[in-house]
Amino acid sequence: MRILFVCTGNVDRSKTAEEMLQNVEGLEVRSAGVSKAATVRLSKELTAWADKIFVMERKHQKAVLQLDPEARRKIVCLNIPDRFYYDQPELRRLLRDRLEQHLSL
């Protein structure tokens, strides 16, 4: 399964999620941001590549849908606010808790 994580800048939340799952067997994982200054910028190629798109907030879901309306069925919003830093233990716990219901981890 190909998974794409999306946040604003692709620095903290989506990057942490990508790295948490990058060595899970059966998963291909990438991450991107919706900001023009994102480390890896969200693209239609990435949304088309993904089987499942996990966004951190509703505004990221809107950005994905604006770029690729056909991605609607792939999107899951994790509702993780932009108050965490990269690889923060609390962020990792929250990601694990929210992802458990969607993936076999």
Protein backbone atom coordinates (compact mmCIF):
# COMPACT_ATOMS: atom_id res chain seq x y z
CA MET A 1 0.00 0.00 0.00
CA ARG A 2 1.26 3.47 -0.91
CA ILE A 3 0.66 6.10 1.77
CA LEU A 4 1.05 9.86 1.53
CA PHE A 5 1.14 12.09 4.61
CA VAL A 6 0.32 15.78 4.14
CA CYS A 7 0.80 18.78 6.43
CA THR A 8 1.74 22.41 5.86
CA GLY A 9 5.51 22.55 5.51
CA ASN A 10 6.52 18.87 5.39
CA VAL A 11 8.92 19.52 8.25
CA ASP A 12 7.32 18.24 11.46
CA ARG A 13 4.07 16.26 11.35
CA SER A 14 4.07 14.61 7.93
CA LYS A 15 7.83 14.04 8.00
CA THR A 16 7.57 12.34 11.42
CA ALA A 17 4.70 10.14 10.17
CA GLU A 18 6.64 9.18 7.04
CA GLU A 19 9.70 8.19 9.04
CA MET A 20 7.63 6.22 11.56
CA LEU A 21 6.24 3.99 8.81
CA GLN A 22 9.08 3.89 6.27
CA ASN A 23 10.30 0.46 7.39
CA VAL A 24 6.90 -1.20 7.78
CA GLU A 25 6.69 -4.19 5.48
CA GLY A 26 4.09 -3.82 2.73
CA LEU A 27 4.01 -0.02 2.90
CA GLU A 28 5.56 2.59 0.64
CA VAL A 29 5.44 5.94 2.39
CA ARG A 30 5.99 9.52 1.26
CA SER A 31 5.16 12.93 2.68
CA ALA A 32 4.48 16.41 1.35
CA GLY A 33 3.36 19.87 2.38
CA VAL A 34 0.80 22.26 0.95
CA SER A 35 2.86 25.41 1.47
CA LYS A 36 4.85 26.95 -1.37
CA ALA A 37 7.86 26.71 0.96
CA ALA A 38 7.31 23.01 1.80
CA THR A 39 10.34 20.73 1.78
CA VAL A 40 8.46 18.44 -0.65
CA ARG A 41 5.50 20.20 -2.23
CA LEU A 42 2.19 18.42 -2.71
CA SER A 43 1.59 17.53 -6.35
CA LYS A 44 -1.04 15.75 -8.40
CA GLU A 45 1.58 13.10 -9.18
CA LEU A 46 1.86 12.34 -5.45
CA THR A 47 -1.89 12.20 -4.91
CA ALA A 48 -2.26 9.89 -7.92
CA TRP A 49 0.58 7.69 -6.62
CA ALA A 50 -1.02 7.22 -3.19
CA ASP A 51 -3.55 4.56 -2.25
CA LYS A 52 -4.30 6.41 0.99
CA ILE A 53 -3.69 10.07 1.88
CA PHE A 54 -3.51 11.04 5.54
CA VAL A 55 -3.84 14.77 6.10
CA MET A 56 -3.15 16.45 9.42
CA GLU A 57 -5.93 19.07 9.28
CA ARG A 58 -9.07 19.87 7.28
CA LYS A 59 -7.27 22.70 5.48
CA HIS A 60 -4.84 20.12 4.08
CA GLN A 61 -7.78 18.02 2.90
CA LYS A 62 -9.15 21.05 1.06
CA ALA A 63 -5.75 21.64 -0.56
CA VAL A 64 -5.56 18.02 -1.73
CA LEU A 65 -9.08 18.17 -3.18
CA GLN A 66 -8.39 21.46 -4.92
CA LEU A 67 -5.38 19.88 -6.59
CA ASP A 68 -6.99 16.49 -7.27
CA PRO A 69 -10.77 16.18 -6.75
CA GLU A 70 -10.58 12.46 -7.58
CA ALA A 71 -8.53 11.88 -4.42
CA ARG A 72 -11.61 12.32 -2.20
CA ARG A 73 -12.04 8.60 -1.51
CA LYS A 74 -8.39 8.25 -0.46
CA ILE A 75 -8.27 10.99 2.19
CA VAL A 76 -8.36 10.54 5.94
CA CYS A 77 -8.03 13.56 8.23
CA LEU A 78 -6.08 12.80 11.41
CA ASN A 79 -6.98 16.11 13.11
CA ILE A 80 -3.47 16.75 14.43
CA PRO A 81 -2.93 20.48 15.05
CA ASP A 82 0.22 22.37 14.14
CA ARG A 83 1.67 22.53 17.65
CA PHE A 84 4.21 19.73 17.50
CA TYR A 85 7.82 19.64 16.46
CA TYR A 86 9.62 16.98 14.43
CA ASP A 87 9.82 13.54 16.07
CA GLN A 88 8.30 14.80 19.32
CA PRO A 89 7.29 11.79 21.48
CA GLU A 90 3.78 13.21 22.00
CA LEU A 91 3.38 13.60 18.22
CA ARG A 92 4.57 10.03 17.64
CA ARG A 93 2.05 8.70 20.20
CA LEU A 94 -0.77 10.72 18.68
CA LEU A 95 0.10 9.56 15.16
CA ARG A 96 0.27 5.93 16.29
CA ASP A 97 -3.11 6.21 18.04
CA ARG A 98 -4.82 7.89 15.08
CA LEU A 99 -3.28 5.59 12.46
CA GLU A 100 -4.08 2.34 14.30
CA GLN A 101 -7.72 2.46 13.25
CA HIS A 102 -6.75 2.76 9.57
CA LEU A 103 -3.64 0.57 9.28
CA SER A 104 -2.42 -2.68 10.78
CA LEU A 105 0.65 -1.50 12.67
